[in-house]
Amino acid sequence: MSQAVVHGGLVSTAGQVAHTTRGDTVRAQATEILQTLEELLAKAGTDKSRLLTAQIWLSDIEDFAEFNAVWDVWVAKDAAPTRVCVESKLVVPALKVEVAVTAAV
């Protein structure tokens, strides 16, 4: 599976999950995931200021505010993408959040 694909001036990432902070708080997992996304975007020749869409899956929608606290600090000011956030059972019980994004290159 590709972690990111560039095509037609866009980069689309696979859903990113925490690896070192599995089982930790949503805040810790989100921080790790957003750092990974920054790295993937940089490898594709872009950055978070060029985000177009974001998809967020939370294992418990009660964690919405905690996730947003991290997201709001991370997202580029005046360049927030469209976004969807839903509650969903994730493949590994220790995972609390998964994020995928699309950005212009």
PDB file of N, CA and C in Angstrom:
ATOM      1  N   MET A   1       0.844  -1.175   0.000  1.00  0.00           N
ATOM      2  CA  MET A   1       0.000   0.000   0.000  1.00  0.00           C
ATOM      3  C   MET A   1       0.888   1.236   0.000  1.00  0.00           C
ATOM      4  N   SER A   2       0.544   2.204  -0.805  1.00  0.00           N
ATOM      5  CA  SER A   2       1.262   3.478  -0.836  1.00  0.00           C
ATOM      6  C   SER A   2       0.799   4.353   0.317  1.00  0.00           C
ATOM      7  N   GLN A   3       1.716   5.071   0.917  1.00  0.00           N
ATOM      8  CA  GLN A   3       1.367   6.011   1.974  1.00  0.00           C
ATOM      9  C   GLN A   3       0.896   7.337   1.387  1.00  0.00           C
ATOM     10  N   ALA A   4       1.362   7.631   0.153  1.00  0.00           N
ATOM     11  CA  ALA A   4       0.919   8.844  -0.548  1.00  0.00           C
ATOM     12  C   ALA A   4       1.088   8.618  -2.040  1.00  0.00           C
ATOM     13  N   VAL A   5       0.160   9.176  -2.808  1.00  0.00           N
ATOM     14  CA  VAL A   5       0.201   9.078  -4.264  1.00  0.00           C
ATOM     15  C   VAL A   5       0.043  10.483  -4.835  1.00  0.00           C
ATOM     16  N   VAL A   6       0.917  10.823  -5.794  1.00  0.00           N
ATOM     17  CA  VAL A   6       0.838  12.111  -6.479  1.00  0.00           C
ATOM     18  C   VAL A   6       0.319  11.861  -7.886  1.00  0.00           C
ATOM     19  N   HIS A   7      -0.712  12.626  -8.268  1.00  0.00           N
ATOM     20  CA  HIS A   7      -1.270  12.496  -9.615  1.00  0.00           C
ATOM     21  C   HIS A   7      -2.028  13.776  -9.954  1.00  0.00           C
ATOM     22  N   GLY A   8      -1.832  14.266 -11.146  1.00  0.00           N
ATOM     23  CA  GLY A   8      -2.605  15.408 -11.626  1.00  0.00           C
ATOM     24  C   GLY A   8      -2.508  16.637 -10.745  1.00  0.00           C
ATOM     25  N   GLY A   9      -1.344  16.864 -10.163  1.00  0.00           N
ATOM     26  CA  GLY A   9      -1.159  18.051  -9.336  1.00  0.00           C
ATOM     27  C   GLY A   9      -1.691  17.934  -7.920  1.00  0.00           C
ATOM     28  N   LEU A  10      -2.081  16.712  -7.535  1.00  0.00           N
ATOM     29  CA  LEU A  10      -2.587  16.470  -6.185  1.00  0.00           C
ATOM     30  C   LEU A  10      -1.789  15.364  -5.512  1.00  0.00           C
ATOM     31  N   VAL A  11      -1.740  15.401  -4.197  1.00  0.00           N
ATOM     32  CA  VAL A  11      -1.215  14.286  -3.417  1.00  0.00           C
ATOM     33  C   VAL A  11      -2.329  13.826  -2.492  1.00  0.00           C
ATOM     34  N   SER A  12      -2.521  12.535  -2.438  1.00  0.00           N
ATOM     35  CA  SER A  12      -3.528  11.934  -1.581  1.00  0.00           C
ATOM     36  C   SER A  12      -2.825  10.942  -0.671  1.00  0.00           C
ATOM     37  N   THR A  13      -3.071  11.047   0.631  1.00  0.00           N
ATOM     38  CA  THR A  13      -2.418  10.126   1.555  1.00  0.00           C
ATOM     39  C   THR A  13      -3.347   8.996   1.958  1.00  0.00           C
ATOM     40  N   ALA A  14      -2.731   7.903   2.337  1.00  0.00           N
ATOM     41  CA  ALA A  14      -3.471   6.826   2.983  1.00  0.00           C
ATOM     42  C   ALA A  14      -3.845   7.304   4.380  1.00  0.00           C
ATOM     43  N   GLY A  15      -4.777   6.646   4.996  1.00  0.00           N
ATOM     44  CA  GLY A  15      -5.103   6.966   6.379  1.00  0.00           C
ATOM     45  C   GLY A  15      -3.884   6.712   7.247  1.00  0.00           C
ATOM     46  N   GLN A  16      -3.516   7.707   8.026  1.00  0.00           N
ATOM     47  CA  GLN A  16      -2.342   7.600   8.888  1.00  0.00           C
ATOM     48  C   GLN A  16      -2.780   7.356  10.323  1.00  0.00           C
ATOM     49  N   VAL A  17      -2.091   6.442  10.980  1.00  0.00           N
ATOM     50  CA  VAL A  17      -2.389   6.110  12.371  1.00  0.00           C
ATOM     51  C   VAL A  17      -1.111   6.221  13.191  1.00  0.00           C
ATOM     52  N   ALA A  18      -1.277   6.233  14.491  1.00  0.00           N
ATOM     53  CA  ALA A  18      -0.134   6.306  15.396  1.00  0.00           C
ATOM     54  C   ALA A  18       0.596   4.966  15.428  1.00  0.00           C
ATOM     55  N   HIS A  19       1.909   5.043  15.567  1.00  0.00           N
ATOM     56  CA  HIS A  19       2.717   3.831  15.720  1.00  0.00           C
ATOM     57  C   HIS A  19       3.405   3.828  17.079  1.00  0.00           C
ATOM     58  N   THR A  20       4.020   4.941  17.455  1.00  0.00           N
ATOM     59  CA  THR A  20       4.748   4.989  18.731  1.00  0.00           C
ATOM     60  C   THR A  20       3.837   5.350  19.900  1.00  0.00           C
ATOM     61  N   THR A  21       2.675   5.937  19.622  1.00  0.00           N
ATOM     62  CA  THR A  21       1.778   6.359  20.703  1.00  0.00           C
ATOM     63  C   THR A  21       0.481   5.552  20.737  1.00  0.00           C
ATOM     64  N   ARG A  22       0.478   4.366  20.133  1.00  0.00           N
ATOM     65  CA  ARG A  22      -0.719   3.511  20.194  1.00  0.00           C
ATOM     66  C   ARG A  22      -1.094   3.274  21.641  1.00  0.00           C
ATOM     67  N   GLY A  23      -2.376   3.364  21.934  1.00  0.00           N
ATOM     68  CA  GLY A  23      -2.845   3.162  23.290  1.00  0.00           C
ATOM     69  C   GLY A  23      -2.751   4.409  24.147  1.00  0.00           C
ATOM     70  N   ASP A  24      -2.100   5.447  23.630  1.00  0.00           N
ATOM     71  CA  ASP A  24      -1.962   6.709  24.352  1.00  0.00           C
ATOM     72  C   ASP A  24      -3.207   7.569  24.093  1.00  0.00           C
ATOM     73  N   THR A  25      -3.183   8.810  24.501  1.00  0.00           N
ATOM     74  CA  THR A  25      -4.324   9.716  24.350  1.00  0.00           C
ATOM     75  C   THR A  25      -4.546  10.097  22.890  1.00  0.00           C
ATOM     76  N   VAL A  26      -5.728  10.606  22.604  1.00  0.00           N
ATOM     77  CA  VAL A  26      -6.029  11.135  21.270  1.00  0.00           C
ATOM     78  C   VAL A  26      -5.053  12.263  20.950  1.00  0.00           C
ATOM     79  N   ARG A  27      -4.764  13.107  21.925  1.00  0.00           N
ATOM     80  CA  ARG A  27      -3.827  14.222  21.730  1.00  0.00           C
ATOM     81  C   ARG A  27      -2.455  13.702  21.263  1.00  0.00           C
ATOM     82  N   ALA A  28      -1.932  12.704  21.926  1.00  0.00           N
ATOM     83  CA  ALA A  28      -0.624  12.149  21.563  1.00  0.00           C
ATOM     84  C   ALA A  28      -0.671  11.493  20.186  1.00  0.00           C
ATOM     85  N   GLN A  29      -1.701  10.709  19.929  1.00  0.00           N
ATOM     86  CA  GLN A  29      -1.822  10.044  18.635  1.00  0.00           C
ATOM     87  C   GLN A  29      -1.985  11.066  17.515  1.00  0.00           C
ATOM     88  N   ALA A  30      -2.827  12.063  17.721  1.00  0.00           N
ATOM     89  CA  ALA A  30      -3.043  13.089  16.693  1.00  0.00           C
ATOM     90  C   ALA A  30      -1.751  13.846  16.401  1.00  0.00           C
ATOM     91  N   THR A  31      -1.002  14.175  17.430  1.00  0.00           N
ATOM     92  CA  THR A  31       0.261  14.888  17.238  1.00  0.00           C
ATOM     93  C   THR A  31       1.214  14.068  16.379  1.00  0.00           C
ATOM     94  N   GLU A  32       1.328  12.784  16.662  1.00  0.00           N
ATOM     95  CA  GLU A  32       2.191  11.901  15.868  1.00  0.00           C
ATOM     96  C   GLU A  32       1.703  11.814  14.423  1.00  0.00           C
ATOM     97  N   ILE A  33       0.410  11.630  14.241  1.00  0.00           N
ATOM     98  CA  ILE A  33      -0.160  11.496  12.896  1.00  0.00           C
ATOM     99  C   ILE A  33       0.059  12.764  12.078  1.00  0.00           C
ATOM    100  N   LEU A  34      -0.184  13.921  12.665  1.00  0.00           N
ATOM    101  CA  LEU A  34      -0.031  15.170  11.920  1.00  0.00           C
ATOM    102  C   LEU A  34       1.427  15.418  11.543  1.00  0.00           C
ATOM    103  N   GLN A  35       2.361  14.997  12.378  1.00  0.00           N
ATOM    104  CA  GLN A  35       3.784  15.090  12.029  1.00  0.00           C
ATOM    105  C   GLN A  35       4.088  14.180  10.840  1.00  0.00           C
ATOM    106  N   THR A  36       3.544  12.976  10.857  1.00  0.00           N
ATOM    107  CA  THR A  36       3.732  12.046   9.735  1.00  0.00           C
ATOM    108  C   THR A  36       3.160  12.638   8.455  1.00  0.00           C
ATOM    109  N   LEU A  37       1.978  13.245   8.545  1.00  0.00           N
ATOM    110  CA  LEU A  37       1.375  13.865   7.365  1.00  0.00           C
ATOM    111  C   LEU A  37       2.254  14.999   6.830  1.00  0.00           C
ATOM    112  N   GLU A  38       2.818  15.808   7.707  1.00  0.00           N
ATOM    113  CA  GLU A  38       3.729  16.872   7.252  1.00  0.00           C
ATOM    114  C   GLU A  38       4.899  16.284   6.475  1.00  0.00           C
ATOM    115  N   GLU A  39       5.455  15.181   6.965  1.00  0.00           N
ATOM    116  CA  GLU A  39       6.579  14.529   6.292  1.00  0.00           C
ATOM    117  C   GLU A  39       6.168  13.992   4.927  1.00  0.00           C
ATOM    118  N   LEU A  40       5.002  13.358   4.839  1.00  0.00           N
ATOM    119  CA  LEU A  40       4.516  12.844   3.561  1.00  0.00           C
ATOM    120  C   LEU A  40       4.266  13.972   2.570  1.00  0.00           C
ATOM    121  N   LEU A  41       3.675  15.056   3.042  1.00  0.00           N
ATOM    122  CA  LEU A  41       3.424  16.205   2.167  1.00  0.00           C
ATOM    123  C   LEU A  41       4.731  16.792   1.663  1.00  0.00           C
ATOM    124  N   ALA A  42       5.725  16.909   2.523  1.00  0.00           N
ATOM    125  CA  ALA A  42       7.031  17.450   2.125  1.00  0.00           C
ATOM    126  C   ALA A  42       7.684  16.564   1.063  1.00  0.00           C
ATOM    127  N   LYS A  43       7.609  15.252   1.237  1.00  0.00           N
ATOM    128  CA  LYS A  43       8.172  14.332   0.234  1.00  0.00           C
ATOM    129  C   LYS A  43       7.481  14.491  -1.118  1.00  0.00           C
ATOM    130  N   ALA A  44       6.216  14.881  -1.100  1.00  0.00           N
ATOM    131  CA  ALA A  44       5.453  15.077  -2.336  1.00  0.00           C
ATOM    132  C   ALA A  44       5.656  16.478  -2.909  1.00  0.00           C
ATOM    133  N   GLY A  45       6.407  17.334  -2.203  1.00  0.00           N
ATOM    134  CA  GLY A  45       6.687  18.679  -2.705  1.00  0.00           C
ATOM    135  C   GLY A  45       5.636  19.708  -2.340  1.00  0.00           C
ATOM    136  N   THR A  46       4.945  19.491  -1.238  1.00  0.00           N
ATOM    137  CA  THR A  46       3.918  20.433  -0.804  1.00  0.00           C
ATOM    138  C   THR A  46       3.928  20.550   0.713  1.00  0.00           C
ATOM    139  N   ASP A  47       2.940  21.220   1.269  1.00  0.00           N
ATOM    140  CA  ASP A  47       2.863  21.355   2.723  1.00  0.00           C
ATOM    141  C   ASP A  47       1.408  21.567   3.155  1.00  0.00           C
ATOM    142  N   LYS A  48       1.199  21.665   4.451  1.00  0.00           N
ATOM    143  CA  LYS A  48      -0.159  21.749   4.996  1.00  0.00           C
ATOM    144  C   LYS A  48      -0.907  23.017   4.595  1.00  0.00           C
ATOM    145  N   SER A  49      -0.203  24.017   4.102  1.00  0.00           N
ATOM    146  CA  SER A  49      -0.888  25.235   3.651  1.00  0.00           C
ATOM    147  C   SER A  49      -1.633  25.008   2.337  1.00  0.00           C
ATOM    148  N   ARG A  50      -1.410  23.851   1.713  1.00  0.00           N
ATOM    149  CA  ARG A  50      -2.048  23.537   0.434  1.00  0.00           C
ATOM    150  C   ARG A  50      -3.052  22.385   0.550  1.00  0.00           C
ATOM    151  N   LEU A  51      -3.458  22.085   1.790  1.00  0.00           N
ATOM    152  CA  LEU A  51      -4.460  21.042   1.999  1.00  0.00           C
ATOM    153  C   LEU A  51      -5.782  21.423   1.345  1.00  0.00           C
ATOM    154  N   LEU A  52      -6.425  20.437   0.755  1.00  0.00           N
ATOM    155  CA  LEU A  52      -7.743  20.626   0.158  1.00  0.00           C
ATOM    156  C   LEU A  52      -8.824  19.923   0.971  1.00  0.00           C
ATOM    157  N   THR A  53      -8.536  18.691   1.400  1.00  0.00           N
ATOM    158  CA  THR A  53      -9.507  17.917   2.170  1.00  0.00           C
ATOM    159  C   THR A  53      -8.803  17.170   3.296  1.00  0.00           C
ATOM    160  N   ALA A  54      -9.573  16.864   4.319  1.00  0.00           N
ATOM    161  CA  ALA A  54      -9.095  16.017   5.414  1.00  0.00           C
ATOM    162  C   ALA A  54     -10.231  15.095   5.827  1.00  0.00           C
ATOM    163  N   GLN A  55      -9.887  13.839   6.053  1.00  0.00           N
ATOM    164  CA  GLN A  55     -10.846  12.851   6.550  1.00  0.00           C
ATOM    165  C   GLN A  55     -10.312  12.362   7.880  1.00  0.00           C
ATOM    166  N   ILE A  56     -11.153  12.388   8.893  1.00  0.00           N
ATOM    167  CA  ILE A  56     -10.743  12.008  10.242  1.00  0.00           C
ATOM    168  C   ILE A  56     -11.720  10.973  10.776  1.00  0.00           C
ATOM    169  N   TRP A  57     -11.149   9.901  11.296  1.00  0.00           N
ATOM    170  CA  TRP A  57     -11.941   8.856  11.923  1.00  0.00           C
ATOM    171  C   TRP A  57     -11.543   8.788  13.392  1.00  0.00           C
ATOM    172  N   LEU A  58     -12.508   8.919  14.273  1.00  0.00           N
ATOM    173  CA  LEU A  58     -12.285   8.792  15.714  1.00  0.00           C
ATOM    174  C   LEU A  58     -12.960   7.518  16.205  1.00  0.00           C
ATOM    175  N   SER A  59     -12.279   6.745  17.026  1.00  0.00           N
ATOM    176  CA  SER A  59     -12.902   5.530  17.556  1.00  0.00           C
ATOM    177  C   SER A  59     -14.008   5.872  18.552  1.00  0.00           C
ATOM    178  N   ASP A  60     -13.941   7.074  19.138  1.00  0.00           N
ATOM    179  CA  ASP A  60     -14.976   7.542  20.066  1.00  0.00           C
ATOM    180  C   ASP A  60     -15.219   9.028  19.804  1.00  0.00           C
ATOM    181  N   ILE A  61     -16.390   9.378  19.354  1.00  0.00           N
ATOM    182  CA  ILE A  61     -16.703  10.769  19.007  1.00  0.00           C
ATOM    183  C   ILE A  61     -16.583  11.692  20.216  1.00  0.00           C
ATOM    184  N   GLU A  62     -16.560  11.146  21.408  1.00  0.00           N
ATOM    185  CA  GLU A  62     -16.345  11.949  22.611  1.00  0.00           C
ATOM    186  C   GLU A  62     -14.956  12.593  22.612  1.00  0.00           C
ATOM    187  N   ASP A  63     -14.047  12.085  21.775  1.00  0.00           N
ATOM    188  CA  ASP A  63     -12.693  12.634  21.668  1.00  0.00           C
ATOM    189  C   ASP A  63     -12.587  13.778  20.659  1.00  0.00           C
ATOM    190  N   PHE A  64     -13.724  14.207  20.108  1.00  0.00           N
ATOM    191  CA  PHE A  64     -13.751  15.251  19.081  1.00  0.00           C
ATOM    192  C   PHE A  64     -13.057  16.530  19.541  1.00  0.00           C
ATOM    193  N   ALA A  65     -13.385  17.017  20.717  1.00  0.00           N
ATOM    194  CA  ALA A  65     -12.788  18.267  21.214  1.00  0.00           C
ATOM    195  C   ALA A  65     -11.289  18.112  21.449  1.00  0.00           C
ATOM    196  N   GLU A  66     -10.877  16.970  21.970  1.00  0.00           N
ATOM    197  CA  GLU A  66      -9.448  16.737  22.210  1.00  0.00           C
ATOM    198  C   GLU A  66      -8.681  16.707  20.886  1.00  0.00           C
ATOM    199  N   PHE A  67      -9.249  16.059  19.873  1.00  0.00           N
ATOM    200  CA  PHE A  67      -8.610  16.056  18.561  1.00  0.00           C
ATOM    201  C   PHE A  67      -8.529  17.475  18.004  1.00  0.00           C
ATOM    202  N   ASN A  68      -9.639  18.206  18.077  1.00  0.00           N
ATOM    203  CA  ASN A  68      -9.671  19.565  17.534  1.00  0.00           C
ATOM    204  C   ASN A  68      -8.656  20.482  18.191  1.00  0.00           C
ATOM    205  N   ALA A  69      -8.367  20.271  19.458  1.00  0.00           N
ATOM    206  CA  ALA A  69      -7.374  21.093  20.150  1.00  0.00           C
ATOM    207  C   ALA A  69      -6.009  20.956  19.483  1.00  0.00           C
ATOM    208  N   VAL A  70      -5.677  19.762  19.036  1.00  0.00           N
ATOM    209  CA  VAL A  70      -4.401  19.528  18.336  1.00  0.00           C
ATOM    210  C   VAL A  70      -4.494  20.039  16.899  1.00  0.00           C
ATOM    211  N   TRP A  71      -5.572  19.706  16.224  1.00  0.00           N
ATOM    212  CA  TRP A  71      -5.779  20.096  14.832  1.00  0.00           C
ATOM    213  C   TRP A  71      -5.725  21.612  14.662  1.00  0.00           C
ATOM    214  N   ASP A  72      -6.431  22.333  15.522  1.00  0.00           N
ATOM    215  CA  ASP A  72      -6.531  23.790  15.387  1.00  0.00           C
ATOM    216  C   ASP A  72      -5.172  24.481  15.514  1.00  0.00           C
ATOM    217  N   VAL A  73      -4.282  23.929  16.295  1.00  0.00           N
ATOM    218  CA  VAL A  73      -2.925  24.476  16.419  1.00  0.00           C
ATOM    219  C   VAL A  73      -2.100  24.123  15.191  1.00  0.00           C
ATOM    220  N   TRP A  74      -2.317  22.926  14.650  1.00  0.00           N
ATOM    221  CA  TRP A  74      -1.506  22.419  13.543  1.00  0.00           C
ATOM    222  C   TRP A  74      -1.898  22.999  12.183  1.00  0.00           C
ATOM    223  N   VAL A  75      -3.174  23.086  11.901  1.00  0.00           N
ATOM    224  CA  VAL A  75      -3.627  23.468  10.561  1.00  0.00           C
ATOM    225  C   VAL A  75      -3.145  24.885  10.218  1.00  0.00           C
ATOM    226  N   ALA A  76      -2.779  25.085   8.940  1.00  0.00           N
ATOM    227  CA  ALA A  76      -2.292  26.394   8.493  1.00  0.00           C
ATOM    228  C   ALA A  76      -3.400  27.434   8.620  1.00  0.00           C
ATOM    229  N   LYS A  77      -3.061  28.552   9.198  1.00  0.00           N
ATOM    230  CA  LYS A  77      -4.041  29.633   9.363  1.00  0.00           C
ATOM    231  C   LYS A  77      -4.472  30.147   7.983  1.00  0.00           C
ATOM    232  N   ASP A  78      -5.737  30.440   7.824  1.00  0.00           N
ATOM    233  CA  ASP A  78      -6.317  30.938   6.575  1.00  0.00           C
ATOM    234  C   ASP A  78      -6.169  29.953   5.417  1.00  0.00           C
ATOM    235  N   ALA A  79      -5.931  28.670   5.729  1.00  0.00           N
ATOM    236  CA  ALA A  79      -5.820  27.666   4.670  1.00  0.00           C
ATOM    237  C   ALA A  79      -6.436  26.342   5.125  1.00  0.00           C
ATOM    238  N   ALA A  80      -7.446  26.410   5.960  1.00  0.00           N
ATOM    239  CA  ALA A  80      -8.077  25.190   6.455  1.00  0.00           C
ATOM    240  C   ALA A  80      -8.788  24.464   5.311  1.00  0.00           C
ATOM    241  N   PRO A  81      -8.593  23.150   5.220  1.00  0.00           N
ATOM    242  CA  PRO A  81      -9.249  22.378   4.161  1.00  0.00           C
ATOM    243  C   PRO A  81     -10.697  22.070   4.520  1.00  0.00           C
ATOM    244  N   THR A  82     -11.445  21.568   3.554  1.00  0.00           N
ATOM    245  CA  THR A  82     -12.731  20.981   3.901  1.00  0.00           C
ATOM    246  C   THR A  82     -12.410  19.750   4.743  1.00  0.00           C
ATOM    247  N   ARG A  83     -13.341  19.355   5.594  1.00  0.00           N
ATOM    248  CA  ARG A  83     -13.014  18.297   6.540  1.00  0.00           C
ATOM    249  C   ARG A  83     -14.247  17.504   6.903  1.00  0.00           C
ATOM    250  N   VAL A  84     -14.066  16.222   7.077  1.00  0.00           N
ATOM    251  CA  VAL A  84     -15.110  15.358   7.608  1.00  0.00           C
ATOM    252  C   VAL A  84     -14.508  14.619   8.802  1.00  0.00           C
ATOM    253  N   CYS A  85     -15.305  14.462   9.842  1.00  0.00           N
ATOM    254  CA  CYS A  85     -14.854  13.747  11.033  1.00  0.00           C
ATOM    255  C   CYS A  85     -15.994  12.850  11.484  1.00  0.00           C
ATOM    256  N   VAL A  86     -15.727  11.552  11.564  1.00  0.00           N
ATOM    257  CA  VAL A  86     -16.763  10.598  11.932  1.00  0.00           C
ATOM    258  C   VAL A  86     -16.252   9.641  13.000  1.00  0.00           C
ATOM    259  N   GLU A  87     -17.189   9.032  13.686  1.00  0.00           N
ATOM    260  CA  GLU A  87     -16.847   7.967  14.627  1.00  0.00           C
ATOM    261  C   GLU A  87     -16.831   6.656  13.853  1.00  0.00           C
ATOM    262  N   SER A  88     -15.790   5.859  14.076  1.00  0.00           N
ATOM    263  CA  SER A  88     -15.661   4.603  13.364  1.00  0.00           C
ATOM    264  C   SER A  88     -14.803   3.638  14.168  1.00  0.00           C
ATOM    265  N   LYS A  89     -15.158   2.392  14.135  1.00  0.00           N
ATOM    266  CA  LYS A  89     -14.313   1.376  14.747  1.00  0.00           C
ATOM    267  C   LYS A  89     -13.043   1.282  13.912  1.00  0.00           C
ATOM    268  N   LEU A  90     -11.882   1.405  14.548  1.00  0.00           N
ATOM    269  CA  LEU A  90     -10.609   1.315  13.831  1.00  0.00           C
ATOM    270  C   LEU A  90     -10.074  -0.110  13.918  1.00  0.00           C
ATOM    271  N   VAL A  91      -9.174  -0.450  13.005  1.00  0.00           N
ATOM    272  CA  VAL A  91      -8.728  -1.832  12.840  1.00  0.00           C
ATOM    273  C   VAL A  91      -8.010  -2.388  14.074  1.00  0.00           C
ATOM    274  N   VAL A  92      -7.341  -1.545  14.832  1.00  0.00           N
ATOM    275  CA  VAL A  92      -6.629  -1.961  16.044  1.00  0.00           C
ATOM    276  C   VAL A  92      -7.262  -1.235  17.235  1.00  0.00           C
ATOM    277  N   PRO A  93      -7.693  -1.951  18.246  1.00  0.00           N
ATOM    278  CA  PRO A  93      -8.372  -1.307  19.375  1.00  0.00           C
ATOM    279  C   PRO A  93      -7.564  -0.189  20.058  1.00  0.00           C
ATOM    280  N   ALA A  94      -6.239  -0.245  20.043  1.00  0.00           N
ATOM    281  CA  ALA A  94      -5.413   0.783  20.682  1.00  0.00           C
ATOM    282  C   ALA A  94      -5.396   2.095  19.900  1.00  0.00           C
ATOM    283  N   LEU A  95      -5.884   2.065  18.652  1.00  0.00           N
ATOM    284  CA  LEU A  95      -5.924   3.281  17.843  1.00  0.00           C
ATOM    285  C   LEU A  95      -7.164   4.084  18.174  1.00  0.00           C
ATOM    286  N   LYS A  96      -6.961   5.390  18.335  1.00  0.00           N
ATOM    287  CA  LYS A  96      -8.075   6.268  18.662  1.00  0.00           C
ATOM    288  C   LYS A  96      -8.420   7.228  17.542  1.00  0.00           C
ATOM    289  N   VAL A  97      -7.492   7.402  16.586  1.00  0.00           N
ATOM    290  CA  VAL A  97      -7.723   8.367  15.503  1.00  0.00           C
ATOM    291  C   VAL A  97      -6.945   7.932  14.267  1.00  0.00           C
ATOM    292  N   GLU A  98      -7.513   8.242  13.105  1.00  0.00           N
ATOM    293  CA  GLU A  98      -6.862   8.021  11.810  1.00  0.00           C
ATOM    294  C   GLU A  98      -7.175   9.246  10.954  1.00  0.00           C
ATOM    295  N   VAL A  99      -6.187   9.685  10.172  1.00  0.00           N
ATOM    296  CA  VAL A  99      -6.357  10.906   9.360  1.00  0.00           C
ATOM    297  C   VAL A  99      -5.774  10.671   7.972  1.00  0.00           C
ATOM    298  N   ALA A 100      -6.519  11.093   6.935  1.00  0.00           N
ATOM    299  CA  ALA A 100      -6.048  11.084   5.552  1.00  0.00           C
ATOM    300  C   ALA A 100      -6.294  12.482   4.986  1.00  0.00           C
ATOM    301  N   VAL A 101      -5.398  12.954   4.132  1.00  0.00           N
ATOM    302  CA  VAL A 101      -5.555  14.272   3.541  1.00  0.00           C
ATOM    303  C   VAL A 101      -5.264  14.244   2.043  1.00  0.00           C
ATOM    304  N   THR A 102      -5.762  15.263   1.363  1.00  0.00           N
ATOM    305  CA  THR A 102      -5.439  15.534  -0.032  1.00  0.00           C
ATOM    306  C   THR A 102      -4.950  16.968  -0.104  1.00  0.00           C
ATOM    307  N   ALA A 103      -3.889  17.198  -0.891  1.00  0.00           N
ATOM    308  CA  ALA A 103      -3.329  18.553  -1.009  1.00  0.00           C
ATOM    309  C   ALA A 103      -2.916  18.814  -2.446  1.00  0.00           C
ATOM    310  N   ALA A 104      -2.884  20.081  -2.805  1.00  0.00           N
ATOM    311  CA  ALA A 104      -2.332  20.497  -4.096  1.00  0.00           C
ATOM    312  C   ALA A 104      -0.806  20.425  -4.004  1.00  0.00           C
ATOM    313  N   VAL A 105      -0.193  20.046  -5.105  1.00  0.00           N
ATOM    314  CA  VAL A 105       1.286  19.973  -5.154  1.00  0.00           C
ATOM    315  C   VAL A 105       1.800  21.233  -5.799  1.00  0.00           C
TER     316      VAL A 105
END
